[in-house]
Amino acid sequence: MLNVIKAFLVTVLVFSICSLSSYATSPEEYCKIHEDSGAPGVCTTRGNCVVLTTNLGIDECKLCTDGGCELVDNCDQCPESEPE
């Protein structure tokens, strides 16, 4: 019986983590989470992207879509401003 309860709790945990990661994140939300976490570097928004400037001055860009924010190979994929 104890194994059934453990399996149920693990299943609930896995589904909870999966559902949390599927929520859309806006660039503003991403930067707020970054700043609140105390992670090093500076987070700024640029259109539908976030730009993380590391302590070494390197820019890492993440494109934010309905599935969340994902690292892109080139910051040129991020617009300078919101489309009108």
PDB file of N, CA and C in Angstrom:
ATOM      1  N   MET A   1       0.823  -1.196   0.000  1.00  0.00           N
ATOM      2  CA  MET A   1       0.000   0.000   0.000  1.00  0.00           C
ATOM      3  C   MET A   1       0.869   1.263   0.000  1.00  0.00           C
ATOM      4  N   LEU A   2       1.972   1.212   0.739  1.00  0.00           N
ATOM      5  CA  LEU A   2       2.872   2.356   0.817  1.00  0.00           C
ATOM      6  C   LEU A   2       3.474   2.684  -0.552  1.00  0.00           C
ATOM      7  N   ASN A   3       3.777   1.664  -1.351  1.00  0.00           N
ATOM      8  CA  ASN A   3       4.325   1.876  -2.697  1.00  0.00           C
ATOM      9  C   ASN A   3       3.316   2.566  -3.599  1.00  0.00           C
ATOM     10  N   VAL A   4       2.045   2.258  -3.432  1.00  0.00           N
ATOM     11  CA  VAL A   4       0.998   2.890  -4.239  1.00  0.00           C
ATOM     12  C   VAL A   4       0.911   4.369  -3.900  1.00  0.00           C
ATOM     13  N   ILE A   5       0.988   4.694  -2.640  1.00  0.00           N
ATOM     14  CA  ILE A   5       0.931   6.096  -2.208  1.00  0.00           C
ATOM     15  C   ILE A   5       2.146   6.853  -2.733  1.00  0.00           C
ATOM     16  N   LYS A   6       3.329   6.259  -2.635  1.00  0.00           N
ATOM     17  CA  LYS A   6       4.544   6.900  -3.148  1.00  0.00           C
ATOM     18  C   LYS A   6       4.436   7.129  -4.657  1.00  0.00           C
ATOM     19  N   ALA A   7       3.949   6.128  -5.385  1.00  0.00           N
ATOM     20  CA  ALA A   7       3.815   6.263  -6.839  1.00  0.00           C
ATOM     21  C   ALA A   7       2.827   7.371  -7.181  1.00  0.00           C
ATOM     22  N   PHE A   8       1.737   7.454  -6.422  1.00  0.00           N
ATOM     23  CA  PHE A   8       0.745   8.506  -6.659  1.00  0.00           C
ATOM     24  C   PHE A   8       1.350   9.881  -6.403  1.00  0.00           C
ATOM     25  N   LEU A   9       2.075  10.044  -5.312  1.00  0.00           N
ATOM     26  CA  LEU A   9       2.686  11.334  -4.992  1.00  0.00           C
ATOM     27  C   LEU A   9       3.730  11.739  -6.032  1.00  0.00           C
ATOM     28  N   VAL A  10       4.513  10.787  -6.505  1.00  0.00           N
ATOM     29  CA  VAL A  10       5.504  11.084  -7.546  1.00  0.00           C
ATOM     30  C   VAL A  10       4.799  11.510  -8.835  1.00  0.00           C
ATOM     31  N   THR A  11       3.714  10.843  -9.171  1.00  0.00           N
ATOM     32  CA  THR A  11       2.950  11.200 -10.371  1.00  0.00           C
ATOM     33  C   THR A  11       2.383  12.610 -10.252  1.00  0.00           C
ATOM     34  N   VAL A  12       1.837  12.950  -9.112  1.00  0.00           N
ATOM     35  CA  VAL A  12       1.301  14.300  -8.895  1.00  0.00           C
ATOM     36  C   VAL A  12       2.423  15.329  -9.006  1.00  0.00           C
ATOM     37  N   LEU A  13       3.582  15.042  -8.439  1.00  0.00           N
ATOM     38  CA  LEU A  13       4.718  15.955  -8.508  1.00  0.00           C
ATOM     39  C   LEU A  13       5.166  16.178  -9.950  1.00  0.00           C
ATOM     40  N   VAL A  14       5.271  15.105 -10.711  1.00  0.00           N
ATOM     41  CA  VAL A  14       5.705  15.220 -12.109  1.00  0.00           C
ATOM     42  C   VAL A  14       4.709  16.045 -12.919  1.00  0.00           C
ATOM     43  N   PHE A  15       3.423  15.788 -12.764  1.00  0.00           N
ATOM     44  CA  PHE A  15       2.424  16.567 -13.490  1.00  0.00           C
ATOM     45  C   PHE A  15       2.428  18.032 -13.067  1.00  0.00           C
ATOM     46  N   SER A  16       2.667  18.305 -11.801  1.00  0.00           N
ATOM     47  CA  SER A  16       2.723  19.687 -11.328  1.00  0.00           C
ATOM     48  C   SER A  16       3.886  20.432 -11.959  1.00  0.00           C
ATOM     49  N   ILE A  17       5.042  19.796 -11.998  1.00  0.00           N
ATOM     50  CA  ILE A  17       6.220  20.424 -12.597  1.00  0.00           C
ATOM     51  C   ILE A  17       5.995  20.661 -14.084  1.00  0.00           C
ATOM     52  N   CYS A  18       5.424  19.700 -14.770  1.00  0.00           N
ATOM     53  CA  CYS A  18       5.166  19.842 -16.205  1.00  0.00           C
ATOM     54  C   CYS A  18       4.172  20.958 -16.476  1.00  0.00           C
ATOM     55  N   SER A  19       3.149  21.081 -15.679  1.00  0.00           N
ATOM     56  CA  SER A  19       2.153  22.121 -15.923  1.00  0.00           C
ATOM     57  C   SER A  19       2.712  23.499 -15.610  1.00  0.00           C
ATOM     58  N   LEU A  20       3.573  23.615 -14.614  1.00  0.00           N
ATOM     59  CA  LEU A  20       4.166  24.910 -14.303  1.00  0.00           C
ATOM     60  C   LEU A  20       5.096  25.371 -15.411  1.00  0.00           C
ATOM     61  N   SER A  21       5.836  24.446 -15.987  1.00  0.00           N
ATOM     62  CA  SER A  21       6.791  24.823 -17.027  1.00  0.00           C
ATOM     63  C   SER A  21       6.097  25.144 -18.354  1.00  0.00           C
ATOM     64  N   SER A  22       4.817  24.789 -18.487  1.00  0.00           N
ATOM     65  CA  SER A  22       4.135  25.039 -19.750  1.00  0.00           C
ATOM     66  C   SER A  22       3.457  26.410 -19.803  1.00  0.00           C
ATOM     67  N   TYR A  23       3.434  27.129 -18.688  1.00  0.00           N
ATOM     68  CA  TYR A  23       2.837  28.460 -18.700  1.00  0.00           C
ATOM     69  C   TYR A  23       3.712  29.411 -19.510  1.00  0.00           C
ATOM     70  N   ALA A  24       3.058  30.292 -20.246  1.00  0.00           N
ATOM     71  CA  ALA A  24       3.785  31.278 -21.023  1.00  0.00           C
ATOM     72  C   ALA A  24       4.442  32.275 -20.080  1.00  0.00           C
ATOM     73  N   THR A  25       5.616  32.710 -20.435  1.00  0.00           N
ATOM     74  CA  THR A  25       6.337  33.701 -19.650  1.00  0.00           C
ATOM     75  C   THR A  25       6.605  34.901 -20.537  1.00  0.00           C
ATOM     76  N   SER A  26       6.204  36.068 -20.065  1.00  0.00           N
ATOM     77  CA  SER A  26       6.510  37.284 -20.813  1.00  0.00           C
ATOM     78  C   SER A  26       7.937  37.698 -20.468  1.00  0.00           C
ATOM     79  N   PRO A  27       8.550  38.519 -21.310  1.00  0.00           N
ATOM     80  CA  PRO A  27       9.901  38.987 -20.994  1.00  0.00           C
ATOM     81  C   PRO A  27       9.968  39.702 -19.637  1.00  0.00           C
ATOM     82  N   GLU A  28       8.932  40.471 -19.326  1.00  0.00           N
ATOM     83  CA  GLU A  28       8.910  41.190 -18.053  1.00  0.00           C
ATOM     84  C   GLU A  28       8.869  40.219 -16.874  1.00  0.00           C
ATOM     85  N   GLU A  29       8.038  39.167 -17.004  1.00  0.00           N
ATOM     86  CA  GLU A  29       7.956  38.155 -15.944  1.00  0.00           C
ATOM     87  C   GLU A  29       9.292  37.434 -15.782  1.00  0.00           C
ATOM     88  N   TYR A  30       9.930  37.112 -16.905  1.00  0.00           N
ATOM     89  CA  TYR A  30      11.207  36.410 -16.864  1.00  0.00           C
ATOM     90  C   TYR A  30      12.249  37.247 -16.126  1.00  0.00           C
ATOM     91  N   CYS A  31      12.327  38.544 -16.446  1.00  0.00           N
ATOM     92  CA  CYS A  31      13.308  39.417 -15.789  1.00  0.00           C
ATOM     93  C   CYS A  31      12.998  39.566 -14.305  1.00  0.00           C
ATOM     94  N   LYS A  32      11.717  39.631 -13.955  1.00  0.00           N
ATOM     95  CA  LYS A  32      11.354  39.743 -12.536  1.00  0.00           C
ATOM     96  C   LYS A  32      11.809  38.495 -11.782  1.00  0.00           C
ATOM     97  N   ILE A  33      11.572  37.317 -12.361  1.00  0.00           N
ATOM     98  CA  ILE A  33      12.016  36.072 -11.725  1.00  0.00           C
ATOM     99  C   ILE A  33      13.541  36.056 -11.605  1.00  0.00           C
ATOM    100  N   HIS A  34      14.221  36.504 -12.661  1.00  0.00           N
ATOM    101  CA  HIS A  34      15.693  36.548 -12.650  1.00  0.00           C
ATOM    102  C   HIS A  34      16.199  37.462 -11.540  1.00  0.00           C
ATOM    103  N   GLU A  35      15.613  38.657 -11.442  1.00  0.00           N
ATOM    104  CA  GLU A  35      16.046  39.619 -10.424  1.00  0.00           C
ATOM    105  C   GLU A  35      15.714  39.134  -9.020  1.00  0.00           C
ATOM    106  N   ASP A  36      14.522  38.552  -8.834  1.00  0.00           N
ATOM    107  CA  ASP A  36      14.119  38.061  -7.518  1.00  0.00           C
ATOM    108  C   ASP A  36      14.978  36.892  -7.054  1.00  0.00           C
ATOM    109  N   SER A  37      15.518  36.129  -8.001  1.00  0.00           N
ATOM    110  CA  SER A  37      16.330  34.963  -7.638  1.00  0.00           C
ATOM    111  C   SER A  37      17.724  35.350  -7.160  1.00  0.00           C
ATOM    112  N   GLY A  38      18.141  36.575  -7.473  1.00  0.00           N
ATOM    113  CA  GLY A  38      19.480  36.999  -7.090  1.00  0.00           C
ATOM    114  C   GLY A  38      20.559  36.449  -8.003  1.00  0.00           C
ATOM    115  N   ALA A  39      20.153  35.949  -9.177  1.00  0.00           N
ATOM    116  CA  ALA A  39      21.121  35.411 -10.134  1.00  0.00           C
ATOM    117  C   ALA A  39      22.030  36.537 -10.634  1.00  0.00           C
ATOM    118  N   PRO A  40      23.285  36.224 -10.935  1.00  0.00           N
ATOM    119  CA  PRO A  40      24.199  37.264 -11.423  1.00  0.00           C
ATOM    120  C   PRO A  40      23.821  37.730 -12.819  1.00  0.00           C
ATOM    121  N   GLY A  41      24.242  38.919 -13.153  1.00  0.00           N
ATOM    122  CA  GLY A  41      23.975  39.476 -14.469  1.00  0.00           C
ATOM    123  C   GLY A  41      22.774  40.399 -14.448  1.00  0.00           C
ATOM    124  N   VAL A  42      22.563  41.072 -15.583  1.00  0.00           N
ATOM    125  CA  VAL A  42      21.479  42.029 -15.715  1.00  0.00           C
ATOM    126  C   VAL A  42      20.505  41.532 -16.773  1.00  0.00           C
ATOM    127  N   CYS A  43      19.213  41.585 -16.463  1.00  0.00           N
ATOM    128  CA  CYS A  43      18.169  41.149 -17.392  1.00  0.00           C
ATOM    129  C   CYS A  43      17.416  42.377 -17.891  1.00  0.00           C
ATOM    130  N   THR A  44      17.326  42.518 -19.213  1.00  0.00           N
ATOM    131  CA  THR A  44      16.543  43.597 -19.816  1.00  0.00           C
ATOM    132  C   THR A  44      15.626  42.997 -20.876  1.00  0.00           C
ATOM    133  N   THR A  45      14.557  43.726 -21.186  1.00  0.00           N
ATOM    134  CA  THR A  45      13.634  43.258 -22.215  1.00  0.00           C
ATOM    135  C   THR A  45      13.929  43.972 -23.520  1.00  0.00           C
ATOM    136  N   ARG A  46      13.677  43.246 -24.620  1.00  0.00           N
ATOM    137  CA  ARG A  46      13.840  43.823 -25.954  1.00  0.00           C
ATOM    138  C   ARG A  46      12.808  43.156 -26.846  1.00  0.00           C
ATOM    139  N   GLY A  47      11.700  43.857 -27.069  1.00  0.00           N
ATOM    140  CA  GLY A  47      10.618  43.269 -27.847  1.00  0.00           C
ATOM    141  C   GLY A  47      10.063  42.073 -27.103  1.00  0.00           C
ATOM    142  N   ASN A  48       9.987  40.934 -27.778  1.00  0.00           N
ATOM    143  CA  ASN A  48       9.492  39.712 -27.142  1.00  0.00           C
ATOM    144  C   ASN A  48      10.653  38.832 -26.662  1.00  0.00           C
ATOM    145  N   CYS A  49      11.773  39.458 -26.349  1.00  0.00           N
ATOM    146  CA  CYS A  49      12.961  38.745 -25.876  1.00  0.00           C
ATOM    147  C   CYS A  49      13.443  39.324 -24.551  1.00  0.00           C
ATOM    148  N   VAL A  50      14.257  38.527 -23.886  1.00  0.00           N
ATOM    149  CA  VAL A  50      15.026  39.024 -22.755  1.00  0.00           C
ATOM    150  C   VAL A  50      16.493  38.941 -23.137  1.00  0.00           C
ATOM    151  N   VAL A  51      17.245  39.908 -22.685  1.00  0.00           N
ATOM    152  CA  VAL A  51      18.683  39.919 -22.919  1.00  0.00           C
ATOM    153  C   VAL A  51      19.345  39.848 -21.554  1.00  0.00           C
ATOM    154  N   LEU A  52      20.080  38.761 -21.320  1.00  0.00           N
ATOM    155  CA  LEU A  52      20.823  38.583 -20.082  1.00  0.00           C
ATOM    156  C   LEU A  52      22.271  38.969 -20.344  1.00  0.00           C
ATOM    157  N   THR A  53      22.719  40.018 -19.673  1.00  0.00           N
ATOM    158  CA  THR A  53      24.102  40.454 -19.804  1.00  0.00           C
ATOM    159  C   THR A  53      24.863  39.884 -18.620  1.00  0.00           C
ATOM    160  N   THR A  54      25.800  39.005 -18.912  1.00  0.00           N
ATOM    161  CA  THR A  54      26.551  38.331 -17.855  1.00  0.00           C
ATOM    162  C   THR A  54      27.545  39.286 -17.215  1.00  0.00           C
ATOM    163  N   ASN A  55      28.168  38.817 -16.138  1.00  0.00           N
ATOM    164  CA  ASN A  55      29.189  39.614 -15.457  1.00  0.00           C
ATOM    165  C   ASN A  55      30.401  39.869 -16.349  1.00  0.00           C
ATOM    166  N   LEU A  56      30.577  39.055 -17.394  1.00  0.00           N
ATOM    167  CA  LEU A  56      31.689  39.232 -18.328  1.00  0.00           C
ATOM    168  C   LEU A  56      31.318  40.138 -19.493  1.00  0.00           C
ATOM    169  N   GLY A  57      30.064  40.665 -19.498  1.00  0.00           N
ATOM    170  CA  GLY A  57      29.626  41.551 -20.555  1.00  0.00           C
ATOM    171  C   GLY A  57      29.113  40.843 -21.790  1.00  0.00           C
ATOM    172  N   ILE A  58      28.849  39.571 -21.693  1.00  0.00           N
ATOM    173  CA  ILE A  58      28.343  38.785 -22.823  1.00  0.00           C
ATOM    174  C   ILE A  58      26.819  38.798 -22.787  1.00  0.00           C
ATOM    175  N   ASP A  59      26.184  39.070 -23.939  1.00  0.00           N
ATOM    176  CA  ASP A  59      24.729  39.060 -24.037  1.00  0.00           C
ATOM    177  C   ASP A  59      24.236  37.676 -24.438  1.00  0.00           C
ATOM    178  N   GLU A  60      23.263  37.183 -23.697  1.00  0.00           N
ATOM    179  CA  GLU A  60      22.566  35.945 -24.038  1.00  0.00           C
ATOM    180  C   GLU A  60      21.105  36.321 -24.232  1.00  0.00           C
ATOM    181  N   CYS A  61      20.541  35.969 -25.383  1.00  0.00           N
ATOM    182  CA  CYS A  61      19.167  36.344 -25.690  1.00  0.00           C
ATOM    183  C   CYS A  61      18.245  35.137 -25.623  1.00  0.00           C
ATOM    184  N   LYS A  62      17.058  35.369 -25.085  1.00  0.00           N
ATOM    185  CA  LYS A  62      16.030  34.333 -25.008  1.00  0.00           C
ATOM    186  C   LYS A  62      14.756  34.895 -25.625  1.00  0.00           C
ATOM    187  N   LEU A  63      14.218  34.168 -26.594  1.00  0.00           N
ATOM    188  CA  LEU A  63      12.979  34.535 -27.271  1.00  0.00           C
ATOM    189  C   LEU A  63      11.813  33.954 -26.475  1.00  0.00           C
ATOM    190  N   CYS A  64      10.851  34.801 -26.110  1.00  0.00           N
ATOM    191  CA  CYS A  64       9.710  34.373 -25.304  1.00  0.00           C
ATOM    192  C   CYS A  64       8.490  34.194 -26.195  1.00  0.00           C
ATOM    193  N   THR A  65       7.951  32.969 -26.195  1.00  0.00           N
ATOM    194  CA  THR A  65       6.759  32.643 -26.967  1.00  0.00           C
ATOM    195  C   THR A  65       5.748  32.000 -26.028  1.00  0.00           C
ATOM    196  N   ASP A  66       4.702  31.417 -26.590  1.00  0.00           N
ATOM    197  CA  ASP A  66       3.677  30.778 -25.775  1.00  0.00           C
ATOM    198  C   ASP A  66       4.230  29.645 -24.926  1.00  0.00           C
ATOM    199  N   GLY A  67       5.317  29.034 -25.349  1.00  0.00           N
ATOM    200  CA  GLY A  67       5.900  27.919 -24.617  1.00  0.00           C
ATOM    201  C   GLY A  67       6.909  28.329 -23.574  1.00  0.00           C
ATOM    202  N   GLY A  68       7.167  29.613 -23.406  1.00  0.00           N
ATOM    203  CA  GLY A  68       8.161  30.099 -22.455  1.00  0.00           C
ATOM    204  C   GLY A  68       9.300  30.786 -23.190  1.00  0.00           C
ATOM    205  N   CYS A  69      10.391  31.022 -22.497  1.00  0.00           N
ATOM    206  CA  CYS A  69      11.544  31.718 -23.074  1.00  0.00           C
ATOM    207  C   CYS A  69      12.663  30.717 -23.333  1.00  0.00           C
ATOM    208  N   GLU A  70      13.156  30.721 -24.581  1.00  0.00           N
ATOM    209  CA  GLU A  70      14.212  29.786 -24.972  1.00  0.00           C
ATOM    210  C   GLU A  70      15.393  30.539 -25.554  1.00  0.00           C
ATOM    211  N   LEU A  71      16.583  30.054 -25.241  1.00  0.00           N
ATOM    212  CA  LEU A  71      17.823  30.635 -25.724  1.00  0.00           C
ATOM    213  C   LEU A  71      17.871  30.586 -27.247  1.00  0.00           C
ATOM    214  N   VAL A  72      18.274  31.696 -27.880  1.00  0.00           N
ATOM    215  CA  VAL A  72      18.442  31.725 -29.331  1.00  0.00           C
ATOM    216  C   VAL A  72      19.928  31.847 -29.652  1.00  0.00           C
ATOM    217  N   ASP A  73      20.293  31.406 -30.853  1.00  0.00           N
ATOM    218  CA  ASP A  73      21.699  31.415 -31.250  1.00  0.00           C
ATOM    219  C   ASP A  73      22.240  32.813 -31.474  1.00  0.00           C
ATOM    220  N   ASN A  74      21.370  33.723 -31.915  1.00  0.00           N
ATOM    221  CA  ASN A  74      21.822  35.042 -32.316  1.00  0.00           C
ATOM    222  C   ASN A  74      20.840  36.087 -31.797  1.00  0.00           C
ATOM    223  N   CYS A  75      21.336  37.114 -31.145  1.00  0.00           N
ATOM    224  CA  CYS A  75      20.472  38.169 -30.606  1.00  0.00           C
ATOM    225  C   CYS A  75      19.790  38.978 -31.716  1.00  0.00           C
ATOM    226  N   ASP A  76      20.235  38.808 -32.963  1.00  0.00           N
ATOM    227  CA  ASP A  76      19.572  39.492 -34.079  1.00  0.00           C
ATOM    228  C   ASP A  76      18.158  38.967 -34.283  1.00  0.00           C
ATOM    229  N   GLN A  77      17.835  37.804 -33.702  1.00  0.00           N
ATOM    230  CA  GLN A  77      16.489  37.245 -33.797  1.00  0.00           C
ATOM    231  C   GLN A  77      15.513  38.017 -32.922  1.00  0.00           C
ATOM    232  N   CYS A  78      16.020  38.882 -32.072  1.00  0.00           N
ATOM    233  CA  CYS A  78      15.188  39.680 -31.173  1.00  0.00           C
ATOM    234  C   CYS A  78      15.041  41.082 -31.727  1.00  0.00           C
ATOM    235  N   PRO A  79      13.797  41.549 -31.901  1.00  0.00           N
ATOM    236  CA  PRO A  79      13.590  42.888 -32.439  1.00  0.00           C
ATOM    237  C   PRO A  79      14.056  43.954 -31.454  1.00  0.00           C
ATOM    238  N   GLU A  80      14.422  45.095 -31.981  1.00  0.00           N
ATOM    239  CA  GLU A  80      14.844  46.207 -31.124  1.00  0.00           C
ATOM    240  C   GLU A  80      13.671  46.767 -30.334  1.00  0.00           C
ATOM    241  N   SER A  81      12.449  46.680 -30.900  1.00  0.00           N
ATOM    242  CA  SER A  81      11.272  47.203 -30.202  1.00  0.00           C
ATOM    243  C   SER A  81      10.062  46.365 -30.625  1.00  0.00           C
ATOM    244  N   GLU A  82       8.955  46.571 -29.933  1.00  0.00           N
ATOM    245  CA  GLU A  82       7.708  45.870 -30.258  1.00  0.00           C
ATOM    246  C   GLU A  82       7.215  46.294 -31.630  1.00  0.00           C
ATOM    247  N   PRO A  83       6.712  45.370 -32.451  1.00  0.00           N
ATOM    248  CA  PRO A  83       6.125  45.758 -33.736  1.00  0.00           C
ATOM    249  C   PRO A  83       4.868  46.587 -33.510  1.00  0.00           C
ATOM    250  N   GLU A  84       4.652  47.540 -34.396  1.00  0.00           N
ATOM    251  CA  GLU A  84       3.483  48.425 -34.255  1.00  0.00           C
ATOM    252  C   GLU A  84       2.332  47.915 -35.075  1.00  0.00           C
TER     253      GLU A  84
END
